[in-house]
Amino acid sequence: MQRPIIFILVTLTYIVLIPYLGFFIASFVFLAVAIIMLEYRRWGVILAVSAGWIAFNYFLFYKLLFVPFPQGIILKLLQG
């Protein structure tokens, strides 16, 4: 019973962090944490799946369909 509650809290944290970190960074971190919570421990696979999913979303929605994603405050500050 405790694991679903923790996962819900992680998901809510992800939702809260999207405006600050941006969709891509927040999603990458969320996916990695979610996979680790499912007790998968091969870091190369975790990073590859997270990066692959972000790349898929970027090219399909952002480049092909022109769907804007939240950039986040941090990225905006870094860009000037």
PDB file of N, CA and C in Angstrom:
ATOM      1  N   MET A   1       0.816  -1.207   0.000  1.00  0.00           N
ATOM      2  CA  MET A   1       0.000   0.000   0.000  1.00  0.00           C
ATOM      3  C   MET A   1       0.856   1.266   0.000  1.00  0.00           C
ATOM      4  N   GLN A   2       2.038   1.198   0.547  1.00  0.00           N
ATOM      5  CA  GLN A   2       2.884   2.381   0.646  1.00  0.00           C
ATOM      6  C   GLN A   2       3.465   2.785  -0.711  1.00  0.00           C
ATOM      7  N   ARG A   3       3.815   1.828  -1.549  1.00  0.00           N
ATOM      8  CA  ARG A   3       4.425   2.150  -2.842  1.00  0.00           C
ATOM      9  C   ARG A   3       3.506   2.971  -3.749  1.00  0.00           C
ATOM     10  N   PRO A   4       2.213   2.651  -3.846  1.00  0.00           N
ATOM     11  CA  PRO A   4       1.347   3.500  -4.679  1.00  0.00           C
ATOM     12  C   PRO A   4       1.261   4.940  -4.175  1.00  0.00           C
ATOM     13  N   ILE A   5       1.256   5.126  -2.875  1.00  0.00           N
ATOM     14  CA  ILE A   5       1.194   6.478  -2.323  1.00  0.00           C
ATOM     15  C   ILE A   5       2.468   7.247  -2.672  1.00  0.00           C
ATOM     16  N   ILE A   6       3.610   6.600  -2.557  1.00  0.00           N
ATOM     17  CA  ILE A   6       4.883   7.236  -2.911  1.00  0.00           C
ATOM     18  C   ILE A   6       4.895   7.587  -4.391  1.00  0.00           C
ATOM     19  N   PHE A   7       4.394   6.679  -5.229  1.00  0.00           N
ATOM     20  CA  PHE A   7       4.363   6.944  -6.663  1.00  0.00           C
ATOM     21  C   PHE A   7       3.448   8.123  -6.984  1.00  0.00           C
ATOM     22  N   ILE A   8       2.327   8.216  -6.297  1.00  0.00           N
ATOM     23  CA  ILE A   8       1.425   9.355  -6.488  1.00  0.00           C
ATOM     24  C   ILE A   8       2.126  10.648  -6.087  1.00  0.00           C
ATOM     25  N   LEU A   9       2.870  10.628  -4.986  1.00  0.00           N
ATOM     26  CA  LEU A   9       3.609  11.809  -4.551  1.00  0.00           C
ATOM     27  C   LEU A   9       4.696  12.192  -5.558  1.00  0.00           C
ATOM     28  N   VAL A  10       5.365  11.209  -6.125  1.00  0.00           N
ATOM     29  CA  VAL A  10       6.378  11.471  -7.151  1.00  0.00           C
ATOM     30  C   VAL A  10       5.716  12.090  -8.388  1.00  0.00           C
ATOM     31  N   THR A  11       4.561  11.574  -8.760  1.00  0.00           N
ATOM     32  CA  THR A  11       3.833  12.110  -9.912  1.00  0.00           C
ATOM     33  C   THR A  11       3.381  13.551  -9.660  1.00  0.00           C
ATOM     34  N   LEU A  12       2.879  13.819  -8.464  1.00  0.00           N
ATOM     35  CA  LEU A  12       2.474  15.185  -8.132  1.00  0.00           C
ATOM     36  C   LEU A  12       3.673  16.129  -8.116  1.00  0.00           C
ATOM     37  N   THR A  13       4.804  15.655  -7.630  1.00  0.00           N
ATOM     38  CA  THR A  13       6.027  16.455  -7.650  1.00  0.00           C
ATOM     39  C   THR A  13       6.438  16.766  -9.082  1.00  0.00           C
ATOM     40  N   TYR A  14       6.333  15.789  -9.951  1.00  0.00           N
ATOM     41  CA  TYR A  14       6.626  15.980 -11.377  1.00  0.00           C
ATOM     42  C   TYR A  14       5.744  17.080 -11.969  1.00  0.00           C
ATOM     43  N   ILE A  15       4.464  17.023 -11.670  1.00  0.00           N
ATOM     44  CA  ILE A  15       3.524  18.011 -12.197  1.00  0.00           C
ATOM     45  C   ILE A  15       3.868  19.416 -11.690  1.00  0.00           C
ATOM     46  N   VAL A  16       4.241  19.502 -10.418  1.00  0.00           N
ATOM     47  CA  VAL A  16       4.600  20.798  -9.843  1.00  0.00           C
ATOM     48  C   VAL A  16       5.899  21.334 -10.443  1.00  0.00           C
ATOM     49  N   LEU A  17       6.843  20.451 -10.758  1.00  0.00           N
ATOM     50  CA  LEU A  17       8.153  20.884 -11.249  1.00  0.00           C
ATOM     51  C   LEU A  17       8.179  21.250 -12.736  1.00  0.00           C
ATOM     52  N   ILE A  18       7.195  20.833 -13.496  1.00  0.00           N
ATOM     53  CA  ILE A  18       7.188  21.133 -14.931  1.00  0.00           C
ATOM     54  C   ILE A  18       7.309  22.629 -15.220  1.00  0.00           C
ATOM     55  N   PRO A  19       6.568  23.509 -14.538  1.00  0.00           N
ATOM     56  CA  PRO A  19       6.721  24.941 -14.845  1.00  0.00           C
ATOM     57  C   PRO A  19       8.112  25.491 -14.505  1.00  0.00           C
ATOM     58  N   TYR A  20       8.815  24.858 -13.584  1.00  0.00           N
ATOM     59  CA  TYR A  20      10.128  25.355 -13.171  1.00  0.00           C
ATOM     60  C   TYR A  20      11.271  24.735 -13.983  1.00  0.00           C
ATOM     61  N   LEU A  21      11.219  23.422 -14.176  1.00  0.00           N
ATOM     62  CA  LEU A  21      12.296  22.732 -14.895  1.00  0.00           C
ATOM     63  C   LEU A  21      12.032  22.627 -16.383  1.00  0.00           C
ATOM     64  N   GLY A  22      10.797  22.762 -16.792  1.00  0.00           N
ATOM     65  CA  GLY A  22      10.426  22.541 -18.182  1.00  0.00           C
ATOM     66  C   GLY A  22       9.982  21.101 -18.374  1.00  0.00           C
ATOM     67  N   PHE A  23       9.249  20.881 -19.450  1.00  0.00           N
ATOM     68  CA  PHE A  23       8.681  19.552 -19.702  1.00  0.00           C
ATOM     69  C   PHE A  23       9.754  18.496 -19.905  1.00  0.00           C
ATOM     70  N   PHE A  24      10.762  18.795 -20.696  1.00  0.00           N
ATOM     71  CA  PHE A  24      11.735  17.777 -21.066  1.00  0.00           C
ATOM     72  C   PHE A  24      12.610  17.344 -19.890  1.00  0.00           C
ATOM     73  N   ILE A  25      13.122  18.286 -19.123  1.00  0.00           N
ATOM     74  CA  ILE A  25      13.972  17.935 -17.984  1.00  0.00           C
ATOM     75  C   ILE A  25      13.148  17.236 -16.907  1.00  0.00           C
ATOM     76  N   ALA A  26      11.979  17.782 -16.588  1.00  0.00           N
ATOM     77  CA  ALA A  26      11.130  17.174 -15.565  1.00  0.00           C
ATOM     78  C   ALA A  26      10.694  15.770 -15.975  1.00  0.00           C
ATOM     79  N   SER A  27      10.377  15.577 -17.243  1.00  0.00           N
ATOM     80  CA  SER A  27       9.953  14.261 -17.719  1.00  0.00           C
ATOM     81  C   SER A  27      11.091  13.256 -17.684  1.00  0.00           C
ATOM     82  N   PHE A  28      12.288  13.697 -18.052  1.00  0.00           N
ATOM     83  CA  PHE A  28      13.441  12.805 -18.003  1.00  0.00           C
ATOM     84  C   PHE A  28      13.677  12.308 -16.576  1.00  0.00           C
ATOM     85  N   VAL A  29      13.661  13.232 -15.630  1.00  0.00           N
ATOM     86  CA  VAL A  29      13.878  12.869 -14.223  1.00  0.00           C
ATOM     87  C   VAL A  29      12.735  11.979 -13.727  1.00  0.00           C
ATOM     88  N   PHE A  30      11.504  12.330 -14.061  1.00  0.00           N
ATOM     89  CA  PHE A  30      10.358  11.535 -13.629  1.00  0.00           C
ATOM     90  C   PHE A  30      10.434  10.110 -14.159  1.00  0.00           C
ATOM     91  N   LEU A  31      10.737   9.974 -15.440  1.00  0.00           N
ATOM     92  CA  LEU A  31      10.817   8.632 -16.017  1.00  0.00           C
ATOM     93  C   LEU A  31      11.909   7.803 -15.350  1.00  0.00           C
ATOM     94  N   ALA A  32      13.063   8.401 -15.128  1.00  0.00           N
ATOM     95  CA  ALA A  32      14.152   7.683 -14.478  1.00  0.00           C
ATOM     96  C   ALA A  32      13.751   7.250 -13.070  1.00  0.00           C
ATOM     97  N   VAL A  33      13.153   8.154 -12.314  1.00  0.00           N
ATOM     98  CA  VAL A  33      12.731   7.825 -10.944  1.00  0.00           C
ATOM     99  C   VAL A  33      11.639   6.751 -10.965  1.00  0.00           C
ATOM    100  N   ALA A  34      10.689   6.857 -11.887  1.00  0.00           N
ATOM    101  CA  ALA A  34       9.612   5.868 -11.970  1.00  0.00           C
ATOM    102  C   ALA A  34      10.150   4.482 -12.308  1.00  0.00           C
ATOM    103  N   ILE A  35      11.100   4.420 -13.220  1.00  0.00           N
ATOM    104  CA  ILE A  35      11.683   3.120 -13.574  1.00  0.00           C
ATOM    105  C   ILE A  35      12.447   2.536 -12.391  1.00  0.00           C
ATOM    106  N   ILE A  36      13.164   3.386 -11.671  1.00  0.00           N
ATOM    107  CA  ILE A  36      13.881   2.916 -10.486  1.00  0.00           C
ATOM    108  C   ILE A  36      12.900   2.438  -9.425  1.00  0.00           C
ATOM    109  N   MET A  37      11.779   3.125  -9.271  1.00  0.00           N
ATOM    110  CA  MET A  37      10.763   2.695  -8.301  1.00  0.00           C
ATOM    111  C   MET A  37      10.175   1.334  -8.663  1.00  0.00           C
ATOM    112  N   LEU A  38      10.218   1.003  -9.938  1.00  0.00           N
ATOM    113  CA  LEU A  38       9.754  -0.322 -10.375  1.00  0.00           C
ATOM    114  C   LEU A  38      10.834  -1.385 -10.216  1.00  0.00           C
ATOM    115  N   GLU A  39      11.916  -0.992  -9.542  1.00  0.00           N
ATOM    116  CA  GLU A  39      13.015  -1.882  -9.160  1.00  0.00           C
ATOM    117  C   GLU A  39      13.861  -2.368 -10.329  1.00  0.00           C
ATOM    118  N   TYR A  40      13.951  -1.559 -11.348  1.00  0.00           N
ATOM    119  CA  TYR A  40      14.868  -1.866 -12.443  1.00  0.00           C
ATOM    120  C   TYR A  40      16.153  -1.110 -12.167  1.00  0.00           C
ATOM    121  N   ARG A  41      17.307  -1.759 -12.254  1.00  0.00           N
ATOM    122  CA  ARG A  41      18.545  -1.151 -11.788  1.00  0.00           C
ATOM    123  C   ARG A  41      19.646  -1.031 -12.841  1.00  0.00           C
ATOM    124  N   ARG A  42      19.397  -1.333 -14.071  1.00  0.00           N
ATOM    125  CA  ARG A  42      20.427  -1.188 -15.101  1.00  0.00           C
ATOM    126  C   ARG A  42      20.420   0.253 -15.593  1.00  0.00           C
ATOM    127  N   TRP A  43      21.414   1.033 -15.133  1.00  0.00           N
ATOM    128  CA  TRP A  43      21.454   2.466 -15.380  1.00  0.00           C
ATOM    129  C   TRP A  43      21.496   2.818 -16.862  1.00  0.00           C
ATOM    130  N   GLY A  44      22.198   2.034 -17.644  1.00  0.00           N
ATOM    131  CA  GLY A  44      22.262   2.311 -19.079  1.00  0.00           C
ATOM    132  C   GLY A  44      20.888   2.228 -19.722  1.00  0.00           C
ATOM    133  N   VAL A  45      20.121   1.233 -19.340  1.00  0.00           N
ATOM    134  CA  VAL A  45      18.773   1.067 -19.889  1.00  0.00           C
ATOM    135  C   VAL A  45      17.850   2.171 -19.387  1.00  0.00           C
ATOM    136  N   ILE A  46      17.961   2.509 -18.101  1.00  0.00           N
ATOM    137  CA  ILE A  46      17.125   3.569 -17.533  1.00  0.00           C
ATOM    138  C   ILE A  46      17.366   4.885 -18.264  1.00  0.00           C
ATOM    139  N   LEU A  47      18.620   5.238 -18.446  1.00  0.00           N
ATOM    140  CA  LEU A  47      18.948   6.493 -19.135  1.00  0.00           C
ATOM    141  C   LEU A  47      18.545   6.450 -20.608  1.00  0.00           C
ATOM    142  N   ALA A  48      18.747   5.307 -21.254  1.00  0.00           N
ATOM    143  CA  ALA A  48      18.389   5.180 -22.667  1.00  0.00           C
ATOM    144  C   ALA A  48      16.880   5.273 -22.881  1.00  0.00           C
ATOM    145  N   VAL A  49      16.112   4.625 -22.030  1.00  0.00           N
ATOM    146  CA  VAL A  49      14.653   4.679 -22.162  1.00  0.00           C
ATOM    147  C   VAL A  49      14.145   6.091 -21.899  1.00  0.00           C
ATOM    148  N   SER A  50      14.666   6.725 -20.859  1.00  0.00           N
ATOM    149  CA  SER A  50      14.246   8.091 -20.543  1.00  0.00           C
ATOM    150  C   SER A  50      14.610   9.049 -21.677  1.00  0.00           C
ATOM    151  N   ALA A  51      15.842   8.979 -22.153  1.00  0.00           N
ATOM    152  CA  ALA A  51      16.284   9.853 -23.242  1.00  0.00           C
ATOM    153  C   ALA A  51      15.528   9.545 -24.539  1.00  0.00           C
ATOM    154  N   GLY A  52      15.287   8.279 -24.803  1.00  0.00           N
ATOM    155  CA  GLY A  52      14.546   7.901 -26.010  1.00  0.00           C
ATOM    156  C   GLY A  52      13.120   8.415 -25.996  1.00  0.00           C
ATOM    157  N   TRP A  53      12.478   8.342 -24.855  1.00  0.00           N
ATOM    158  CA  TRP A  53      11.102   8.827 -24.749  1.00  0.00           C
ATOM    159  C   TRP A  53      11.051  10.348 -24.921  1.00  0.00           C
ATOM    160  N   ILE A  54      12.022  11.043 -24.343  1.00  0.00           N
ATOM    161  CA  ILE A  54      12.081  12.495 -24.493  1.00  0.00           C
ATOM    162  C   ILE A  54      12.340  12.857 -25.957  1.00  0.00           C
ATOM    163  N   ALA A  55      13.250  12.154 -26.608  1.00  0.00           N
ATOM    164  CA  ALA A  55      13.540  12.408 -28.025  1.00  0.00           C
ATOM    165  C   ALA A  55      12.307  12.145 -28.891  1.00  0.00           C
ATOM    166  N   PHE A  56      11.599  11.060 -28.609  1.00  0.00           N
ATOM    167  CA  PHE A  56      10.377  10.740 -29.344  1.00  0.00           C
ATOM    168  C   PHE A  56       9.352  11.868 -29.202  1.00  0.00           C
ATOM    169  N   ASN A  57       9.114  12.320 -27.963  1.00  0.00           N
ATOM    170  CA  ASN A  57       8.167  13.408 -27.724  1.00  0.00           C
ATOM    171  C   ASN A  57       8.610  14.690 -28.418  1.00  0.00           C
ATOM    172  N   TYR A  58       9.895  14.987 -28.346  1.00  0.00           N
ATOM    173  CA  TYR A  58      10.424  16.204 -28.960  1.00  0.00           C
ATOM    174  C   TYR A  58      10.186  16.209 -30.463  1.00  0.00           C
ATOM    175  N   PHE A  59      10.595  15.141 -31.127  1.00  0.00           N
ATOM    176  CA  PHE A  59      10.479  15.118 -32.584  1.00  0.00           C
ATOM    177  C   PHE A  59       9.034  14.989 -33.054  1.00  0.00           C
ATOM    178  N   LEU A  60       8.235  14.178 -32.389  1.00  0.00           N
ATOM    179  CA  LEU A  60       6.855  13.994 -32.836  1.00  0.00           C
ATOM    180  C   LEU A  60       6.003  15.232 -32.556  1.00  0.00           C
ATOM    181  N   PHE A  61       5.993  15.656 -31.319  1.00  0.00           N
ATOM    182  CA  PHE A  61       5.074  16.730 -30.951  1.00  0.00           C
ATOM    183  C   PHE A  61       5.637  18.128 -31.198  1.00  0.00           C
ATOM    184  N   TYR A  62       6.896  18.350 -30.852  1.00  0.00           N
ATOM    185  CA  TYR A  62       7.460  19.687 -30.955  1.00  0.00           C
ATOM    186  C   TYR A  62       7.863  20.023 -32.390  1.00  0.00           C
ATOM    187  N   LYS A  63       8.553  19.120 -33.053  1.00  0.00           N
ATOM    188  CA  LYS A  63       9.045  19.388 -34.410  1.00  0.00           C
ATOM    189  C   LYS A  63       8.017  19.079 -35.498  1.00  0.00           C
ATOM    190  N   LEU A  64       7.320  17.958 -35.388  1.00  0.00           N
ATOM    191  CA  LEU A  64       6.408  17.530 -36.447  1.00  0.00           C
ATOM    192  C   LEU A  64       5.027  18.180 -36.319  1.00  0.00           C
ATOM    193  N   LEU A  65       4.474  18.183 -35.103  1.00  0.00           N
ATOM    194  CA  LEU A  65       3.121  18.687 -34.901  1.00  0.00           C
ATOM    195  C   LEU A  65       3.077  20.115 -34.340  1.00  0.00           C
ATOM    196  N   PHE A  66       4.242  20.694 -34.043  1.00  0.00           N
ATOM    197  CA  PHE A  66       4.357  22.064 -33.550  1.00  0.00           C
ATOM    198  C   PHE A  66       3.564  22.308 -32.261  1.00  0.00           C
ATOM    199  N   VAL A  67       3.606  21.338 -31.371  1.00  0.00           N
ATOM    200  CA  VAL A  67       2.957  21.482 -30.068  1.00  0.00           C
ATOM    201  C   VAL A  67       3.968  22.113 -29.113  1.00  0.00           C
ATOM    202  N   PRO A  68       3.633  23.260 -28.533  1.00  0.00           N
ATOM    203  CA  PRO A  68       4.587  23.891 -27.607  1.00  0.00           C
ATOM    204  C   PRO A  68       4.588  23.173 -26.254  1.00  0.00           C
ATOM    205  N   PHE A  69       5.768  23.041 -25.687  1.00  0.00           N
ATOM    206  CA  PHE A  69       5.920  22.451 -24.362  1.00  0.00           C
ATOM    207  C   PHE A  69       6.398  23.528 -23.398  1.00  0.00           C
ATOM    208  N   PRO A  70       6.064  23.388 -22.133  1.00  0.00           N
ATOM    209  CA  PRO A  70       6.573  24.359 -21.148  1.00  0.00           C
ATOM    210  C   PRO A  70       8.100  24.314 -21.089  1.00  0.00           C
ATOM    211  N   GLN A  71       8.754  25.457 -21.238  1.00  0.00           N
ATOM    212  CA  GLN A  71      10.214  25.505 -21.184  1.00  0.00           C
ATOM    213  C   GLN A  71      10.722  25.518 -19.761  1.00  0.00           C
ATOM    214  N   GLY A  72      10.004  26.127 -18.885  1.00  0.00           N
ATOM    215  CA  GLY A  72      10.437  26.220 -17.508  1.00  0.00           C
ATOM    216  C   GLY A  72      11.207  27.487 -17.227  1.00  0.00           C
ATOM    217  N   ILE A  73      11.141  27.921 -16.012  1.00  0.00           N
ATOM    218  CA  ILE A  73      11.785  29.168 -15.600  1.00  0.00           C
ATOM    219  C   ILE A  73      13.303  29.058 -15.694  1.00  0.00           C
ATOM    220  N   ILE A  74      13.839  27.931 -15.296  1.00  0.00           N
ATOM    221  CA  ILE A  74      15.301  27.759 -15.280  1.00  0.00           C
ATOM    222  C   ILE A  74      15.885  27.894 -16.682  1.00  0.00           C
ATOM    223  N   LEU A  75      15.284  27.241 -17.657  1.00  0.00           N
ATOM    224  CA  LEU A  75      15.768  27.323 -19.033  1.00  0.00           C
ATOM    225  C   LEU A  75      15.650  28.752 -19.574  1.00  0.00           C
ATOM    226  N   LYS A  76      14.585  29.424 -19.249  1.00  0.00           N
ATOM    227  CA  LYS A  76      14.405  30.809 -19.693  1.00  0.00           C
ATOM    228  C   LYS A  76      15.489  31.715 -19.085  1.00  0.00           C
ATOM    229  N   LEU A  77      15.818  31.483 -17.818  1.00  0.00           N
ATOM    230  CA  LEU A  77      16.883  32.268 -17.176  1.00  0.00           C
ATOM    231  C   LEU A  77      18.243  31.990 -17.794  1.00  0.00           C
ATOM    232  N   LEU A  78      18.492  30.740 -18.155  1.00  0.00           N
ATOM    233  CA  LEU A  78      19.766  30.390 -18.776  1.00  0.00           C
ATOM    234  C   LEU A  78      19.900  30.975 -20.175  1.00  0.00           C
ATOM    235  N   GLN A  79      18.794  31.106 -20.878  1.00  0.00           N
ATOM    236  CA  GLN A  79      18.819  31.660 -22.232  1.00  0.00           C
ATOM    237  C   GLN A  79      18.959  33.179 -22.225  1.00  0.00           C
ATOM    238  N   GLY A  80      18.666  33.794 -21.116  1.00  0.00           N
ATOM    239  CA  GLY A  80      18.852  35.250 -21.008  1.00  0.00           C
ATOM    240  C   GLY A  80      17.644  36.017 -21.140  1.00  0.00           C
TER     241      GLY A  80
END
